[in-house]
Amino acid sequence: MTPHSRRGWVLIALVTLSAGGLVLAADRAFAAEPAFQALDLQLHANQALDDDFHGYVGNNLKPLPRGRQKFKNVEFAIGEKFIQLASTLAPDFPEKVEGIAVNRKLTRMHFLHATGWGSPDMQDGTEIGSFQIRYDDKTSATIPIEYGRDLRYWWDFDNAAPTTRAEVAWKDTNEASTNFRAGGVGIRLFQLSWTNPHPEKTVTAFDYVSTNNTMCAPFLMAVTTDWIRTMAPLDRNIDRHVLINERARQGNVDLLFLGDSITEGWEVSGKDAWQKRYGPRKAMNAVISGDRTQHVLWRLEHGNVDKLSPKLVVLMIGTNNFGDDSAEDIAAGIGAVVAKLRAKVPHAKVLLLGVFPRGEKADDPLRKTTVAVNTLIKSIADRKMVHSLNINDKLLGADGTQDRALMPDLVHLSPQGYEVWGNAIEPKVAELLEGIMPYPDLPKKAGKIDKEAPRTFQQTDSGLRYRVLRKGSGNSPAANDNVVVDYKGWLDDGTIFDASYDREETSKFPLNGVIRGWTEGLQLISEGGMIELEIPAELGYGAQGRPPKIPANATLHFVVELLEVN
């Protein structure tokens, strides 16, 4: 094989697209398995649900329903007892329970748990225990249990902040919590889901461990495993995989594309656009026609990136799963691919593209699956190392119908389609690969951006990202000052949710009376200045959002002109 460019490999043009290039019929390799399999904890359980515990009469879990129950779309088996571990306030319980049997291959484990004797003053991130996972090859994995991230105190005092890696799965009250104070206190259990990095191995057992050095006493109510085929590697040892590995061993790749036949089309219909746009960027197209998420997982474990250190990976996968898998399972498989990429090439940023539109009309069932998958995978992005981008509006007509000039067979792209694809992702590719950020579109009534304004963002300790687009010459505000501003705000997908420019009136408010990102950001410029802010959800409207315009956990973007400080 010879490279297409002396600057480094640009393409691996090994095979042309087969008809359709998709695998949509059921595959015998994908035998159905039970979605959920509950573990039996009763052999190790040491506390009855109906018995009072933690020192209070009537403080029990009698309200929790028994038997097979579904919480947060996961089926658990609730027995009559559960496992309680020790803490500094619960010395009579065991510090560790070992050898809880699993004996199966699994893609995820779901834990229904909480802690007793937690405190509102306990610092989030404090490790209070762990799950020690054992594999059949004598290796192991550790799942830390951190307060505030994976669980909180099971008594719900004053609606404490939500956990960041787990969800409240069940809520109720008991006699003790109801009588604790006027208005009572709720009780709750949390669901923590863990993705197994080695679904190819059998998990034989796990140990449940308390650090026993805080007041928090973890307890475990139920555990369920699942086997989601989209998350499990599936052998893809074909000629093109071998050739991709040969290319990967040569290294010298900054930009890596991963996907299926749609992305492989850059080597055929999109060849000219690729050479022009990605040829000088040390790009490699490590794709195989017909791939599902399972195939990409297998390829990542078998050499496709082992010798590479790309700066950016552009990933689009999942369309070949549409014939057999639910939107939820496809999204889970895509999430597993991203997680595997992060483990294999941890220094690379990932640009996760929404699956291109399927179904010619907007009401086609395939289109509904496309929308569902792309909605779910947006949450995979952390906007630090993993970024998401959906360009499907560029491939559709105004009425939502697929544009056959761009997608002639309603799946793959024409040469014009690859031009549209390349143009649509270029600003994000330039940002993530080369640190070049285009300036935002300004309303006609806005002032000008300085010629020397930075193309890159700075980030504060709080996570606020900003760049000063125009330096001011007046006073800088303090948090307790009143300010007069003009602004425009938009979401990640470009949707404008508010703009004072459109109302043809400036906005005046106390700086300490708005979201934290504004309070911090406007203190970074002076009167007459303009700043662009990228505000993470925790500095904006958080998990609640501001319906109907601002969804939960939304990153907010603003251009703000500071007109006056009082």
Protein backbone atom coordinates (compact mmCIF):
# COMPACT_ATOMS: atom_id res chain seq x y z
CA MET A 1 0.00 0.00 0.00
CA THR A 2 1.13 3.53 -0.67
CA PRO A 3 -0.04 6.75 0.92
CA HIS A 4 -2.16 9.19 -1.02
CA SER A 5 -0.03 12.08 0.18
CA ARG A 6 3.60 12.45 1.18
CA ARG A 7 2.44 14.60 4.09
CA GLY A 8 1.00 11.50 5.72
CA TRP A 9 -1.83 9.13 5.03
CA VAL A 10 -5.01 10.91 4.13
CA LEU A 11 -7.32 8.06 3.13
CA ILE A 12 -7.47 4.33 3.25
CA ALA A 13 -9.26 3.75 -0.04
CA LEU A 14 -9.55 -0.01 0.12
CA VAL A 15 -13.02 -0.94 -1.02
CA THR A 16 -15.91 0.78 -2.69
CA LEU A 17 -19.36 0.95 -1.14
CA SER A 18 -21.50 -2.09 -1.54
CA ALA A 19 -25.11 -1.63 -2.52
CA GLY A 20 -26.70 0.22 0.33
CA GLY A 21 -23.67 -0.39 2.52
CA LEU A 22 -25.99 -1.15 5.43
CA VAL A 23 -26.87 -4.17 7.51
CA LEU A 24 -30.51 -3.82 8.43
CA ALA A 25 -31.75 -7.39 8.59
CA ALA A 26 -31.55 -9.35 11.82
CA ASP A 27 -28.14 -10.95 12.30
CA ARG A 28 -27.86 -14.39 13.84
CA ALA A 29 -24.95 -13.11 15.91
CA PHE A 30 -27.38 -10.88 17.76
CA ALA A 31 -29.32 -13.49 19.72
CA ALA A 32 -31.81 -11.95 22.12
CA GLU A 33 -30.91 -12.05 25.81
CA PRO A 34 -32.91 -11.03 28.86
CA ALA A 35 -32.67 -7.26 29.24
CA PHE A 36 -32.24 -7.36 33.01
CA GLN A 37 -31.01 -10.07 35.36
CA ALA A 38 -31.33 -9.36 39.07
CA LEU A 39 -28.75 -10.60 41.55
CA ASP A 40 -29.74 -12.39 44.75
CA LEU A 41 -28.39 -10.42 47.72
CA GLN A 42 -30.32 -12.32 50.38
CA LEU A 43 -27.47 -14.69 51.21
CA HIS A 44 -25.40 -11.69 52.34
CA ALA A 45 -28.20 -9.44 53.63
CA ASN A 46 -28.04 -8.40 57.29
CA GLN A 47 -30.88 -5.92 57.81
CA ALA A 48 -34.63 -6.49 57.33
CA LEU A 49 -36.61 -3.82 55.53
CA ASP A 50 -39.35 -3.92 58.17
CA ASP A 51 -37.00 -3.60 61.16
CA ASP A 52 -36.24 -0.24 62.70
CA PHE A 53 -32.66 0.86 62.24
CA HIS A 54 -30.36 3.84 62.51
CA GLY A 55 -31.60 4.52 66.03
CA TYR A 56 -35.17 5.68 65.39
CA VAL A 57 -38.47 3.96 66.11
CA GLY A 58 -40.41 3.54 62.89
CA ASN A 59 -37.30 4.22 60.81
CA ASN A 60 -37.53 1.43 58.27
CA LEU A 61 -38.19 0.60 54.65
CA LYS A 62 -41.65 -0.92 55.03
CA PRO A 63 -43.02 1.37 52.26
CA LEU A 64 -40.62 -0.03 49.66
CA PRO A 65 -42.53 -2.45 47.37
CA ARG A 66 -41.19 -6.02 47.24
CA GLY A 67 -40.54 -8.36 44.34
CA ARG A 68 -39.74 -7.26 40.81
CA GLN A 69 -39.96 -3.50 40.57
CA LYS A 70 -38.98 -1.06 37.85
CA PHE A 71 -37.23 2.15 38.86
CA LYS A 72 -35.88 4.56 36.23
CA ASN A 73 -36.56 1.93 33.54
CA VAL A 74 -34.41 -0.67 35.30
CA GLU A 75 -35.90 -3.84 36.78
CA PHE A 76 -34.78 -4.71 40.31
CA ALA A 77 -35.69 -7.61 42.60
CA ILE A 78 -36.48 -6.26 46.07
CA GLY A 79 -36.11 -8.87 48.82
CA GLU A 80 -37.01 -8.80 52.50
CA LYS A 81 -33.48 -7.86 53.55
CA PHE A 82 -30.61 -5.69 52.35
CA ILE A 83 -26.89 -5.21 53.05
CA GLN A 84 -25.86 -2.56 55.59
CA LEU A 85 -22.16 -1.64 55.97
CA ALA A 86 -20.29 -0.04 58.83
CA SER A 87 -19.36 3.57 59.53
CA THR A 88 -18.04 5.50 62.52
CA LEU A 89 -21.65 5.69 63.73
CA ALA A 90 -22.52 2.08 62.82
CA PRO A 91 -19.63 -0.02 64.19
CA ASP A 92 -21.71 -3.20 64.62
CA PHE A 93 -22.13 -3.74 60.88
CA PRO A 94 -19.45 -5.32 58.63
CA GLU A 95 -16.90 -3.13 56.90
CA LYS A 96 -16.90 -5.43 53.87
CA VAL A 97 -19.14 -8.07 52.33
CA GLU A 98 -17.14 -10.27 49.95
CA GLY A 99 -17.99 -12.64 47.16
CA ILE A 100 -21.47 -11.52 46.11
CA ALA A 101 -22.05 -13.88 43.16
CA VAL A 102 -22.60 -12.61 39.62
CA ASN A 103 -21.26 -15.26 37.20
CA ARG A 104 -22.28 -13.71 33.92
CA LYS A 105 -21.14 -11.45 31.15
CA LEU A 106 -22.71 -8.03 31.37
CA THR A 107 -22.60 -4.59 29.84
CA ARG A 108 -23.86 -2.66 32.85
CA MET A 109 -24.56 -3.06 36.57
CA HIS A 110 -27.27 -1.04 38.30
CA PHE A 111 -27.10 -0.47 42.05
CA LEU A 112 -30.08 0.61 44.18
CA HIS A 113 -28.52 2.12 47.28
CA ALA A 114 -28.16 5.01 49.71
CA THR A 115 -26.35 5.83 52.94
CA GLY A 116 -27.40 6.16 56.55
CA TRP A 117 -26.12 8.86 58.88
CA GLY A 118 -25.19 11.15 56.05
CA SER A 119 -24.83 14.82 56.80
CA PRO A 120 -25.75 17.92 54.82
CA ASP A 121 -22.27 19.09 55.74
CA MET A 122 -20.55 16.09 54.14
CA GLN A 123 -18.35 17.33 51.31
CA ASP A 124 -19.38 16.14 47.85
CA GLY A 125 -16.78 13.84 46.36
CA THR A 126 -15.88 12.19 49.68
CA GLU A 127 -15.34 8.47 49.07
CA ILE A 128 -17.38 6.42 51.52
CA GLY A 129 -17.04 2.98 49.95
CA SER A 130 -16.63 1.01 46.73
CA PHE A 131 -17.77 -1.92 44.67
CA GLN A 132 -14.86 -4.23 43.80
CA ILE A 133 -15.66 -6.08 40.57
CA ARG A 134 -13.94 -9.44 39.94
CA TYR A 135 -13.48 -10.99 36.49
CA ASP A 136 -12.90 -14.62 35.57
CA ASP A 137 -9.33 -13.88 34.45
CA LYS A 138 -8.44 -12.75 38.00
CA THR A 139 -8.42 -9.07 37.06
CA SER A 140 -10.64 -6.54 38.80
CA ALA A 141 -12.23 -3.10 38.53
CA THR A 142 -13.11 -0.63 41.25
CA ILE A 143 -16.25 1.51 41.36
CA PRO A 144 -15.79 4.20 44.01
CA ILE A 145 -18.85 5.29 45.93
CA GLU A 146 -18.63 9.05 46.43
CA TYR A 147 -20.99 11.13 48.53
CA GLY A 148 -22.89 13.70 46.50
CA ARG A 149 -22.05 12.01 43.23
CA ASP A 150 -23.28 8.43 43.62
CA LEU A 151 -25.64 8.80 46.58
CA ARG A 152 -26.65 10.97 49.52
CA TYR A 153 -28.24 10.48 52.91
CA TRP A 154 -31.42 8.44 52.54
CA TRP A 155 -33.39 11.05 54.52
CA ASP A 156 -34.15 13.84 52.08
CA PHE A 157 -33.54 16.98 54.11
CA ASP A 158 -34.77 20.11 52.32
CA ASN A 159 -34.32 18.70 48.81
CA ALA A 160 -30.54 18.58 48.86
CA ALA A 161 -28.66 19.12 45.60
CA PRO A 162 -29.04 16.27 43.10
CA THR A 163 -26.32 13.67 42.73
CA THR A 164 -24.19 14.05 39.62
CA ARG A 165 -23.69 10.36 38.68
CA ALA A 166 -26.86 8.79 40.07
CA GLU A 167 -30.58 9.48 40.13
CA VAL A 168 -33.20 9.31 42.84
CA ALA A 169 -35.06 6.11 41.93
CA TRP A 170 -37.62 5.87 44.74
CA LYS A 171 -39.11 8.29 47.25
CA ASP A 172 -41.57 7.90 50.12
CA THR A 173 -41.81 8.49 53.88
CA ASN A 174 -41.81 6.27 56.96
CA GLU A 175 -43.15 6.78 60.48
CA ALA A 176 -39.90 8.23 61.84
CA SER A 177 -39.33 10.60 58.94
CA THR A 178 -42.93 11.81 59.00
CA ASN A 179 -42.78 12.60 62.72
CA PHE A 180 -39.27 14.06 62.67
CA ARG A 181 -40.51 17.64 62.27
CA ALA A 182 -43.47 19.62 61.07
CA GLY A 183 -44.01 18.78 57.43
CA GLY A 184 -41.92 15.63 57.74
CA VAL A 185 -38.89 14.45 55.82
CA GLY A 186 -38.81 12.18 52.78
CA ILE A 187 -36.82 8.98 52.39
CA ARG A 188 -35.19 7.93 49.13
CA LEU A 189 -32.99 5.47 47.30
CA PHE A 190 -30.53 6.22 44.50
CA GLN A 191 -29.81 4.31 41.32
CA LEU A 192 -26.20 4.20 40.14
CA SER A 193 -25.44 2.63 36.74
CA TRP A 194 -21.94 1.48 35.82
CA THR A 195 -20.79 0.57 32.32
CA ASN A 196 -18.51 -2.47 32.25
CA PRO A 197 -15.30 -1.68 30.34
CA HIS A 198 -14.81 -5.41 29.63
CA PRO A 199 -18.13 -6.94 28.56
CA GLU A 200 -16.17 -9.72 26.87
CA LYS A 201 -15.16 -11.04 30.32
CA THR A 202 -17.32 -12.89 32.81
CA VAL A 203 -17.89 -11.04 36.07
CA THR A 204 -17.68 -13.72 38.73
CA ALA A 205 -18.49 -11.66 41.84
CA PHE A 206 -18.15 -8.33 43.55
CA ASP A 207 -17.25 -7.09 47.03
CA TYR A 208 -19.16 -4.32 48.77
CA VAL A 209 -16.83 -2.19 50.89
CA SER A 210 -17.16 0.75 53.30
CA THR A 211 -14.23 3.07 53.98
CA ASN A 212 -15.49 3.09 57.58
CA ASN A 213 -13.88 6.46 58.26
CA THR A 214 -16.91 8.77 57.96
CA MET A 215 -20.35 8.86 59.56
CA CYS A 216 -21.84 7.59 56.28
CA ALA A 217 -22.93 3.95 56.41
CA PRO A 218 -23.64 2.71 52.86
CA PHE A 219 -26.44 0.22 52.32
CA LEU A 220 -27.32 -1.80 49.22
CA MET A 221 -30.91 -2.68 48.44
CA ALA A 222 -30.67 -4.45 45.07
CA VAL A 223 -28.38 -5.02 42.08
CA THR A 224 -29.35 -5.75 38.48
CA THR A 225 -27.16 -6.49 35.46
CA ASP A 226 -28.02 -6.14 31.82
CA TRP A 227 -26.67 -7.27 28.50
CA ILE A 228 -27.18 -4.66 25.80
CA ARG A 229 -25.80 -6.04 22.57
CA THR A 230 -25.04 -2.59 21.16
CA MET A 231 -22.48 -2.18 23.97
CA ALA A 232 -20.73 -5.55 23.50
CA PRO A 233 -17.82 -5.93 21.03
CA LEU A 234 -18.57 -8.07 17.96
CA ASP A 235 -15.78 -9.60 15.88
CA ARG A 236 -14.85 -7.53 12.81
CA ASN A 237 -11.66 -9.29 11.75
CA ILE A 238 -11.93 -8.67 8.01
CA ASP A 239 -9.38 -7.48 5.47
CA ARG A 240 -10.15 -3.79 5.85
CA HIS A 241 -9.71 -4.00 9.62
CA VAL A 242 -6.25 -5.51 9.08
CA LEU A 243 -5.32 -2.75 6.62
CA ILE A 244 -6.53 -0.06 9.04
CA ASN A 245 -4.24 -1.55 11.68
CA GLU A 246 -1.32 -1.49 9.23
CA ARG A 247 -1.95 2.20 8.61
CA ALA A 248 -2.38 2.94 12.32
CA ARG A 249 1.03 1.45 13.12
CA GLN A 250 2.60 4.16 10.96
CA GLY A 251 1.20 6.90 13.23
CA ASN A 252 1.33 10.58 12.17
CA VAL A 253 -2.44 11.12 12.43
CA ASP A 254 -3.95 14.28 13.91
CA LEU A 255 -7.53 13.85 12.71
CA LEU A 256 -9.30 10.48 12.83
CA PHE A 257 -12.73 9.66 11.39
CA LEU A 258 -14.63 6.61 12.73
CA GLY A 259 -17.91 5.29 11.42
CA ASP A 260 -19.63 3.14 8.82
CA SER A 261 -20.28 3.26 5.05
CA ILE A 262 -21.55 6.83 5.21
CA THR A 263 -18.17 7.99 6.49
CA GLU A 264 -16.38 5.54 4.19
CA GLY A 265 -17.98 7.49 1.35
CA TRP A 266 -15.39 10.23 1.87
CA GLU A 267 -13.15 7.88 -0.14
CA VAL A 268 -15.55 7.69 -3.08
CA SER A 269 -18.16 10.41 -3.58
CA GLY A 270 -16.41 12.71 -1.13
CA LYS A 271 -12.85 12.08 -2.28
CA ASP A 272 -12.23 15.53 -3.78
CA ALA A 273 -13.74 17.31 -0.79
CA TRP A 274 -11.62 15.18 1.57
CA GLN A 275 -8.37 15.91 -0.24
CA LYS A 276 -9.08 19.62 -0.26
CA ARG A 277 -10.29 19.91 3.33
CA TYR A 278 -8.50 17.16 5.26
CA GLY A 279 -5.48 16.30 3.12
CA PRO A 280 -3.22 18.88 4.79
CA ARG A 281 -4.45 17.91 8.25
CA LYS A 282 -2.93 14.42 8.61
CA ALA A 283 -6.37 12.80 8.50
CA MET A 284 -7.20 9.09 8.49
CA ASN A 285 -10.54 7.46 7.66
CA ALA A 286 -10.69 4.34 9.88
CA VAL A 287 -14.16 3.14 8.88
CA ILE A 288 -15.77 -0.08 7.65
CA SER A 289 -18.97 -0.30 5.65
CA GLY A 290 -21.80 -1.99 7.53
CA ASP A 291 -20.36 -1.36 10.99
CA ARG A 292 -22.58 -1.22 14.02
CA THR A 293 -21.58 0.14 17.39
CA GLN A 294 -20.50 -3.39 18.39
CA HIS A 295 -18.06 -3.61 15.49
CA VAL A 296 -16.41 -0.30 16.31
CA LEU A 297 -16.00 -1.40 19.93
CA TRP A 298 -14.26 -4.57 18.75
CA ARG A 299 -12.02 -2.67 16.34
CA LEU A 300 -10.97 -0.23 19.05
CA GLU A 301 -9.95 -3.18 21.22
CA HIS A 302 -8.05 -4.81 18.37
CA GLY A 303 -5.55 -2.31 17.12
CA ASN A 304 -7.32 0.42 15.13
CA VAL A 305 -6.02 3.19 17.40
CA ASP A 306 -3.28 1.48 19.42
CA LYS A 307 -0.40 3.37 17.76
CA LEU A 308 -2.24 6.63 17.21
CA SER A 309 -2.31 9.89 19.16
CA PRO A 310 -4.90 11.94 17.29
CA LYS A 311 -5.84 15.40 18.42
CA LEU A 312 -9.45 14.94 17.30
CA VAL A 313 -11.72 11.99 16.53
CA VAL A 314 -14.85 12.62 14.45
CA LEU A 315 -17.37 9.87 15.22
CA MET A 316 -20.69 9.01 13.61
CA ILE A 317 -22.05 5.50 14.18
CA GLY A 318 -25.38 3.81 14.80
CA THR A 319 -27.39 3.83 11.57
CA ASN A 320 -26.77 0.11 10.98
CA ASN A 321 -28.27 -0.66 14.39
CA PHE A 322 -31.64 0.81 13.38
CA GLY A 323 -33.08 -2.46 12.09
CA ASP A 324 -32.65 -4.42 15.31
CA ASP A 325 -32.17 -2.13 18.29
CA SER A 326 -34.18 0.46 20.20
CA ALA A 327 -33.19 4.12 20.26
CA GLU A 328 -32.18 3.72 23.90
CA ASP A 329 -29.92 0.77 23.14
CA ILE A 330 -28.37 2.47 20.12
CA ALA A 331 -27.58 5.52 22.25
CA ALA A 332 -26.09 3.26 24.91
CA GLY A 333 -23.89 1.64 22.27
CA ILE A 334 -22.73 5.02 21.01
CA GLY A 335 -21.95 5.99 24.59
CA ALA A 336 -19.88 2.83 24.98
CA VAL A 337 -17.90 3.70 21.83
CA VAL A 338 -17.17 7.18 23.17
CA ALA A 339 -16.11 5.73 26.52
CA LYS A 340 -13.80 3.26 24.78
CA LEU A 341 -12.29 6.07 22.70
CA ARG A 342 -11.66 8.12 25.81
CA ALA A 343 -9.87 5.13 27.37
CA LYS A 344 -7.79 4.28 24.29
CA VAL A 345 -6.84 7.81 23.17
CA PRO A 346 -7.37 9.89 26.33
CA HIS A 347 -5.71 13.04 24.99
CA ALA A 348 -7.91 13.19 21.89
CA LYS A 349 -11.03 15.30 21.78
CA VAL A 350 -14.13 13.63 20.33
CA LEU A 351 -16.62 15.31 18.02
CA LEU A 352 -19.73 13.14 18.22
CA LEU A 353 -22.03 13.71 15.26
CA GLY A 354 -25.73 13.00 15.36
CA VAL A 355 -26.76 10.04 13.20
CA PHE A 356 -27.69 11.38 9.76
CA PRO A 357 -31.43 11.46 8.98
CA ARG A 358 -33.14 8.20 8.07
CA GLY A 359 -36.58 7.98 6.53
CA GLU A 360 -37.48 10.24 3.64
CA LYS A 361 -40.34 12.04 5.40
CA ALA A 362 -40.41 13.69 8.80
CA ASP A 363 -43.09 11.27 10.05
CA ASP A 364 -41.25 8.12 8.93
CA PRO A 365 -40.62 5.66 11.82
CA LEU A 366 -36.91 5.65 10.96
CA ARG A 367 -36.84 9.42 11.31
CA LYS A 368 -38.44 9.17 14.72
CA THR A 369 -35.70 6.75 15.75
CA THR A 370 -33.08 9.15 14.40
CA VAL A 371 -34.47 12.02 16.45
CA ALA A 372 -34.71 9.87 19.57
CA VAL A 373 -31.14 8.61 19.27
CA ASN A 374 -29.72 12.06 18.62
CA THR A 375 -31.64 13.52 21.54
CA LEU A 376 -30.25 10.86 23.88
CA ILE A 377 -26.61 11.09 22.79
CA LYS A 378 -26.42 14.84 23.39
CA SER A 379 -25.93 14.04 27.07
CA ILE A 380 -22.72 12.13 26.30
CA ALA A 381 -20.91 15.40 25.59
CA ASP A 382 -19.09 17.02 28.49
CA ARG A 383 -18.06 20.00 26.31
CA LYS A 384 -14.48 19.54 27.48
CA MET A 385 -13.18 16.41 25.77
CA VAL A 386 -16.41 15.24 24.14
CA HIS A 387 -18.48 17.60 21.99
CA SER A 388 -21.70 16.87 20.12
CA LEU A 389 -22.96 18.33 16.86
CA ASN A 390 -26.13 17.58 14.89
CA ILE A 391 -26.02 18.86 11.30
CA ASN A 392 -29.17 17.12 10.05
CA ASP A 393 -30.93 20.39 9.29
CA LYS A 394 -28.34 20.91 6.54
CA LEU A 395 -29.41 17.64 4.88
CA LEU A 396 -33.16 18.21 4.95
CA GLY A 397 -35.61 20.42 3.13
CA ALA A 398 -37.69 23.05 4.88
CA ASP A 399 -40.52 20.52 5.40
CA GLY A 400 -38.15 17.92 6.88
CA THR A 401 -37.96 15.80 3.73
CA GLN A 402 -34.58 14.33 2.86
CA ASP A 403 -32.85 16.14 0.02
CA ARG A 404 -32.10 13.57 -2.70
CA ALA A 405 -29.56 15.93 -4.25
CA LEU A 406 -27.52 15.40 -1.08
CA MET A 407 -28.60 11.85 -0.13
CA PRO A 408 -29.56 10.10 -3.39
CA ASP A 409 -30.38 6.73 -1.80
CA LEU A 410 -31.64 8.37 1.40
CA VAL A 411 -28.65 6.97 3.31
CA HIS A 412 -25.35 7.86 1.62
CA LEU A 413 -24.20 11.25 0.38
CA SER A 414 -23.51 12.64 -3.07
CA PRO A 415 -20.37 14.70 -3.80
CA GLN A 416 -22.47 17.77 -3.01
CA GLY A 417 -23.57 16.11 0.22
CA TYR A 418 -19.98 15.65 1.35
CA GLU A 419 -19.32 19.32 0.64
CA VAL A 420 -22.30 20.20 2.84
CA TRP A 421 -21.07 17.83 5.57
CA GLY A 422 -17.57 19.27 5.50
CA ASN A 423 -18.82 22.87 5.58
CA ALA A 424 -21.20 22.14 8.45
CA ILE A 425 -18.60 20.63 10.78
CA GLU A 426 -15.67 22.85 9.78
CA PRO A 427 -16.07 25.51 12.49
CA LYS A 428 -16.11 22.82 15.20
CA VAL A 429 -13.26 20.87 13.62
CA ALA A 430 -11.17 24.04 13.41
CA GLU A 431 -11.95 24.83 17.03
CA LEU A 432 -11.15 21.38 18.43
CA LEU A 433 -8.25 20.50 16.14
CA GLU A 434 -6.53 23.86 15.77
CA GLY A 435 -8.03 26.04 18.50
CA ILE A 436 -9.60 28.41 15.97
CA MET A 437 -13.00 29.71 17.02
CA PRO A 438 -15.12 31.72 14.59
CA TYR A 439 -16.60 34.88 16.00
CA PRO A 440 -20.32 34.74 16.80
CA ASP A 441 -22.88 36.25 14.48
CA LEU A 442 -23.78 39.69 15.81
CA PRO A 443 -27.14 41.45 15.54
CA LYS A 444 -27.12 44.40 13.16
CA LYS A 445 -27.49 46.81 16.06
CA ALA A 446 -24.45 45.47 17.93
CA GLY A 447 -21.11 47.23 17.98
CA LYS A 448 -18.00 45.91 16.24
CA ILE A 449 -15.55 43.24 17.34
CA ASP A 450 -11.91 44.34 17.79
CA LYS A 451 -9.66 43.26 14.94
CA GLU A 452 -7.23 41.73 17.45
CA ALA A 453 -9.97 39.94 19.45
CA PRO A 454 -8.87 36.42 20.45
CA ARG A 455 -9.99 33.35 18.52
CA THR A 456 -9.70 31.16 21.61
CA PHE A 457 -11.52 31.08 24.93
CA GLN A 458 -10.12 31.37 28.41
CA GLN A 459 -11.60 29.45 31.34
CA THR A 460 -11.98 30.52 34.95
CA ASP A 461 -11.72 28.23 37.97
CA SER A 462 -15.51 27.99 38.11
CA GLY A 463 -15.70 26.55 34.59
CA LEU A 464 -16.88 29.75 32.89
CA ARG A 465 -15.42 30.12 29.39
CA TYR A 466 -15.06 33.58 27.89
CA ARG A 467 -13.28 35.77 25.38
CA VAL A 468 -13.24 39.55 25.27
CA LEU A 469 -14.42 40.58 21.81
CA ARG A 470 -14.01 44.31 22.39
CA LYS A 471 -12.05 46.05 25.09
CA GLY A 472 -13.82 48.80 26.98
CA SER A 473 -12.43 52.03 28.38
CA GLY A 474 -14.72 52.76 31.33
CA ASN A 475 -15.28 51.27 34.76
CA SER A 476 -15.49 47.56 35.47
CA PRO A 477 -18.48 46.50 37.58
CA ALA A 478 -18.42 44.88 40.99
CA ALA A 479 -20.92 42.17 41.89
CA ASN A 480 -23.15 44.62 43.74
CA ASP A 481 -23.26 47.22 40.94
CA ASN A 482 -26.14 47.87 38.57
CA VAL A 483 -25.36 47.45 34.88
CA VAL A 484 -26.94 48.38 31.56
CA VAL A 485 -26.34 45.89 28.74
CA ASP A 486 -27.37 44.69 25.33
CA TYR A 487 -27.12 40.94 24.74
CA LYS A 488 -28.01 37.87 22.71
CA GLY A 489 -28.28 34.36 24.17
CA TRP A 490 -28.34 31.01 22.37
CA LEU A 491 -28.11 27.26 23.00
CA ASP A 492 -25.57 24.75 21.71
CA ASP A 493 -27.64 24.11 18.60
CA GLY A 494 -27.74 27.82 17.77
CA THR A 495 -31.32 28.41 18.95
CA ILE A 496 -31.63 32.00 20.19
CA PHE A 497 -33.64 32.06 23.41
CA ASP A 498 -33.39 35.75 24.29
CA ALA A 499 -31.99 38.98 22.85
CA SER A 500 -32.39 42.52 24.10
CA TYR A 501 -31.45 43.69 20.61
CA ASP A 502 -34.71 42.23 19.29
CA ARG A 503 -36.72 44.14 21.88
CA GLU A 504 -35.00 47.38 20.87
CA GLU A 505 -34.33 48.25 24.48
CA THR A 506 -31.35 47.79 26.74
CA SER A 507 -31.55 45.75 29.95
CA LYS A 508 -30.76 47.11 33.40
CA PHE A 509 -30.32 44.97 36.51
CA PRO A 510 -28.18 44.43 39.63
CA LEU A 511 -25.26 42.20 38.68
CA ASN A 512 -25.72 40.00 41.73
CA GLY A 513 -29.35 39.37 40.77
CA VAL A 514 -28.72 37.25 37.68
CA ILE A 515 -27.23 33.81 36.98
CA ARG A 516 -23.75 33.22 38.37
CA GLY A 517 -22.12 33.04 34.93
CA TRP A 518 -23.24 36.61 34.21
CA THR A 519 -22.22 37.89 37.62
CA GLU A 520 -18.72 36.51 37.14
CA GLY A 521 -18.37 37.19 33.43
CA LEU A 522 -19.34 40.86 33.30
CA GLN A 523 -16.74 41.69 35.93
CA LEU A 524 -14.11 40.70 33.37
CA ILE A 525 -14.79 43.70 31.08
CA SER A 526 -15.30 47.43 31.44
CA GLU A 527 -17.83 49.93 30.09
CA GLY A 528 -17.91 49.93 26.31
CA GLY A 529 -16.61 46.36 26.16
CA MET A 530 -18.09 43.25 24.56
CA ILE A 531 -17.67 39.72 25.88
CA GLU A 532 -18.69 36.27 24.69
CA LEU A 533 -19.65 33.90 27.49
CA GLU A 534 -20.03 30.12 27.47
CA ILE A 535 -21.79 29.31 30.72
CA PRO A 536 -22.00 25.70 31.97
CA ALA A 537 -25.32 24.59 33.43
CA GLU A 538 -24.13 24.81 37.01
CA LEU A 539 -23.46 28.54 36.52
CA GLY A 540 -26.71 29.00 34.62
CA TYR A 541 -30.12 27.41 35.19
CA GLY A 542 -28.85 23.99 36.25
CA ALA A 543 -30.90 20.82 36.21
CA GLN A 544 -34.16 22.78 36.36
CA GLY A 545 -33.57 24.79 33.20
CA ARG A 546 -36.00 27.57 32.43
CA PRO A 547 -38.83 26.01 30.41
CA PRO A 548 -39.93 26.27 27.75
CA LYS A 549 -36.93 27.95 26.13
CA ILE A 550 -33.99 26.67 28.18
CA PRO A 551 -33.86 22.90 28.78
CA ALA A 552 -32.37 21.19 31.80
CA ASN A 553 -28.56 21.12 32.06
CA ALA A 554 -28.17 23.50 29.12
CA THR A 555 -24.92 25.26 28.32
CA LEU A 556 -25.71 28.91 27.62
CA HIS A 557 -23.93 31.17 25.12
CA PHE A 558 -24.08 34.95 25.25
CA VAL A 559 -22.66 37.98 23.54
CA VAL A 560 -22.95 40.91 25.95
CA GLU A 561 -22.12 44.60 25.44
CA LEU A 562 -21.57 46.43 28.74
CA LEU A 563 -22.99 49.90 28.16
CA GLU A 564 -23.06 51.41 31.62
CA VAL A 565 -22.02 50.70 35.22
CA ASN A 566 -23.83 52.36 38.13
